[in-house]
Amino acid sequence: MRNFRGFSPLFIALILFMSGARPSTEVPKPEEVKLRGNIVCLAEEMHTHYNVELFKSHDHIYGVKTEESKYYTLLRTSLAEAFFVDEQLHEKNLILNGRVFPNTQLLEITRFLSIKDGVVHELYYYCDTCYIRFVAPGNCDCCQAPVVLIEKPLNVDSTIPSP
């Protein structure tokens, strides 16, 4: 009896070729996620938990620490910009909807809410003069007055929110 072990990979390749099978060229899709947690500096978290050496003055690498203590790095997009520039948001318990990209822990935020006293709230920036909403802090595009952070219960109907 002959030994066919050496021919088995060639045999399998021949069968796949004859059947028209092709390797998958489909790009993996990002995973839709809904997370609860807080915004943290990932470098400082690693320093606290694993004694990673940090300079006293260091760049912040912002991310999310979930309730399950899992970390995600925030991708800096226009919707996530507020988390990079407004430290008020770092104190809030958040619900973050977004996408996590394949083979990474990079989080693209698509929606964010807060939980305050057990109630889900919308978070946005608002110009009281022009009645315009914004997703990040700064000055109003219309009147150039500073916008304010609004935290409004999600199920409350109101045409003009007040701070």
Protein backbone atom coordinates (compact mmCIF):
# COMPACT_ATOMS: atom_id res chain seq x y z
CA MET A 1 0.00 0.00 0.00
CA ARG A 2 1.35 3.42 -0.95
CA ASN A 3 1.76 6.40 1.35
CA PHE A 4 -0.53 9.21 0.11
CA ARG A 5 0.04 11.63 3.00
CA GLY A 6 2.41 13.77 0.94
CA PHE A 7 -0.19 14.20 -1.78
CA SER A 8 -3.11 15.29 0.43
CA PRO A 9 -2.50 19.11 0.29
CA LEU A 10 -2.04 18.92 -3.47
CA PHE A 11 -5.15 16.78 -3.78
CA ILE A 12 -7.22 19.25 -1.73
CA ALA A 13 -5.96 22.20 -3.77
CA LEU A 14 -6.82 20.37 -7.00
CA ILE A 15 -10.36 19.66 -5.78
CA LEU A 16 -10.84 23.31 -4.75
CA PHE A 17 -9.52 24.51 -8.10
CA MET A 18 -11.79 22.16 -10.02
CA SER A 19 -14.85 23.14 -7.96
CA GLY A 20 -14.28 26.86 -8.65
CA ALA A 21 -13.82 27.70 -4.97
CA ARG A 22 -11.93 30.89 -4.33
CA PRO A 23 -10.45 32.25 -1.14
CA SER A 24 -12.72 34.75 0.59
CA THR A 25 -11.95 38.34 -0.40
CA GLU A 26 -14.76 39.76 1.74
CA VAL A 27 -13.53 42.44 4.13
CA PRO A 28 -14.72 41.83 7.70
CA LYS A 29 -17.34 44.34 8.81
CA PRO A 30 -17.15 46.44 11.98
CA GLU A 31 -19.17 45.15 14.92
CA GLU A 32 -22.06 47.32 16.15
CA VAL A 33 -21.81 47.76 19.93
CA LYS A 34 -23.67 49.43 22.78
CA LEU A 35 -21.42 50.07 25.78
CA ARG A 36 -21.92 51.51 29.24
CA GLY A 37 -18.97 53.13 30.93
CA ASN A 38 -16.82 56.20 31.44
CA ILE A 39 -14.24 58.14 29.46
CA VAL A 40 -10.72 57.59 30.78
CA CYS A 41 -7.14 58.30 29.79
CA LEU A 42 -5.93 54.85 28.81
CA ALA A 43 -2.30 55.69 29.59
CA GLU A 44 -3.22 56.72 33.15
CA GLU A 45 -5.36 53.59 33.59
CA MET A 46 -2.41 51.40 32.55
CA HIS A 47 -0.18 53.36 34.95
CA THR A 48 -2.65 52.79 37.79
CA HIS A 49 -3.24 49.10 37.16
CA TYR A 50 0.09 47.92 35.70
CA ASN A 51 2.68 50.50 36.83
CA VAL A 52 3.36 51.67 33.28
CA GLU A 53 5.91 54.46 33.45
CA LEU A 54 4.47 57.81 32.33
CA PHE A 55 5.93 61.27 32.02
CA LYS A 56 4.32 63.80 34.35
CA SER A 57 3.27 65.70 31.24
CA HIS A 58 1.88 63.24 28.69
CA ASP A 59 -0.61 63.19 25.86
CA HIS A 60 -3.95 61.72 26.84
CA ILE A 61 -5.10 58.66 24.95
CA TYR A 62 -8.83 58.71 25.55
CA GLY A 63 -10.93 55.62 25.65
CA VAL A 64 -13.89 53.98 27.31
CA LYS A 65 -13.73 51.80 30.38
CA THR A 66 -16.89 49.70 30.40
CA GLU A 67 -18.75 48.47 33.44
CA GLU A 68 -17.05 45.10 32.80
CA SER A 69 -13.62 46.84 32.95
CA LYS A 70 -12.98 46.32 29.25
CA TYR A 71 -11.13 49.13 27.47
CA TYR A 72 -11.77 50.61 24.03
CA THR A 73 -9.70 53.33 22.36
CA LEU A 74 -11.77 56.25 21.04
CA LEU A 75 -11.39 57.08 17.40
CA ARG A 76 -11.27 60.87 17.12
CA THR A 77 -14.20 61.80 14.86
CA SER A 78 -16.41 64.90 14.71
CA LEU A 79 -19.03 63.17 16.87
CA ALA A 80 -16.44 62.05 19.44
CA GLU A 81 -14.58 65.37 19.54
CA ALA A 82 -16.43 66.48 22.68
CA PHE A 83 -14.81 63.63 24.65
CA PHE A 84 -11.35 64.92 23.72
CA VAL A 85 -11.96 68.57 24.63
CA ASP A 86 -14.65 68.68 27.36
CA GLU A 87 -13.60 67.15 30.66
CA GLN A 88 -17.17 67.51 32.01
CA LEU A 89 -18.02 64.42 29.97
CA HIS A 90 -15.32 62.36 31.73
CA GLU A 91 -17.36 62.54 34.94
CA LYS A 92 -20.53 61.11 33.40
CA ASN A 93 -21.82 57.56 33.26
CA LEU A 94 -22.35 57.05 29.53
CA ILE A 95 -24.15 54.84 27.06
CA LEU A 96 -22.14 54.74 23.84
CA ASN A 97 -23.35 53.29 20.57
CA GLY A 98 -20.77 52.72 17.91
CA ARG A 99 -18.67 50.40 15.83
CA VAL A 100 -15.62 48.39 16.83
CA PHE A 101 -13.36 47.57 13.91
CA PRO A 102 -12.20 44.00 13.19
CA ASN A 103 -9.12 42.82 15.05
CA THR A 104 -8.99 46.04 17.11
CA GLN A 105 -10.47 47.70 20.16
CA LEU A 106 -10.94 50.98 18.23
CA LEU A 107 -14.37 52.49 18.89
CA GLU A 108 -16.11 54.86 16.51
CA ILE A 109 -18.94 56.55 18.40
CA THR A 110 -22.21 56.94 16.51
CA ARG A 111 -24.41 58.08 19.42
CA PHE A 112 -23.92 58.90 23.08
CA LEU A 113 -26.23 59.37 26.04
CA SER A 114 -25.71 59.79 29.77
CA ILE A 115 -27.29 58.16 32.78
CA LYS A 116 -28.08 60.60 35.58
CA ASP A 117 -29.98 59.49 38.70
CA GLY A 118 -30.97 56.30 36.87
CA VAL A 119 -32.54 58.21 33.96
CA VAL A 120 -31.17 58.20 30.40
CA HIS A 121 -30.33 61.71 29.15
CA GLU A 122 -29.45 63.25 25.80
CA LEU A 123 -26.16 65.13 25.73
CA TYR A 124 -25.51 67.98 23.32
CA TYR A 125 -24.19 71.51 23.16
CA TYR A 126 -26.63 74.36 22.66
CA CYS A 127 -26.66 78.03 21.76
CA ASP A 128 -29.37 79.81 23.78
CA THR A 129 -29.25 82.79 21.43
CA CYS A 130 -29.67 81.01 18.09
CA TYR A 131 -31.44 77.84 19.31
CA ILE A 132 -28.91 75.62 17.54
CA ARG A 133 -27.60 72.23 18.71
CA PHE A 134 -23.98 71.15 18.35
CA VAL A 135 -22.13 67.88 19.00
CA ALA A 136 -18.98 69.48 20.43
CA PRO A 137 -18.14 72.48 22.63
CA GLY A 138 -16.95 75.75 21.19
CA ASN A 139 -18.56 78.86 19.80
CA CYS A 140 -21.85 78.98 17.92
CA ASP A 141 -21.37 78.98 14.16
CA CYS A 142 -23.98 81.73 13.87
CA CYS A 143 -23.43 84.28 16.66
CA GLN A 144 -20.03 83.10 17.96
CA ALA A 145 -21.31 82.92 21.56
CA PRO A 146 -20.06 79.94 23.60
CA VAL A 147 -22.37 76.93 23.52
CA VAL A 148 -23.36 75.14 26.74
CA LEU A 149 -23.62 71.46 27.55
CA ILE A 150 -27.22 70.29 27.88
CA GLU A 151 -28.20 67.07 29.63
CA LYS A 152 -31.92 66.53 29.04
CA PRO A 153 -33.96 63.45 30.00
CA LEU A 154 -34.45 61.43 26.82
CA ASN A 155 -38.24 61.11 26.98
CA VAL A 156 -39.06 64.74 27.76
CA ASP A 157 -40.68 66.70 24.93
CA SER A 158 -39.43 70.23 24.73
CA THR A 159 -39.00 72.54 21.77
CA ILE A 160 -36.44 74.81 23.42
CA PRO A 161 -34.28 73.15 26.05
CA SER A 162 -32.94 75.34 28.80
CA PRO A 163 -29.61 74.83 30.57
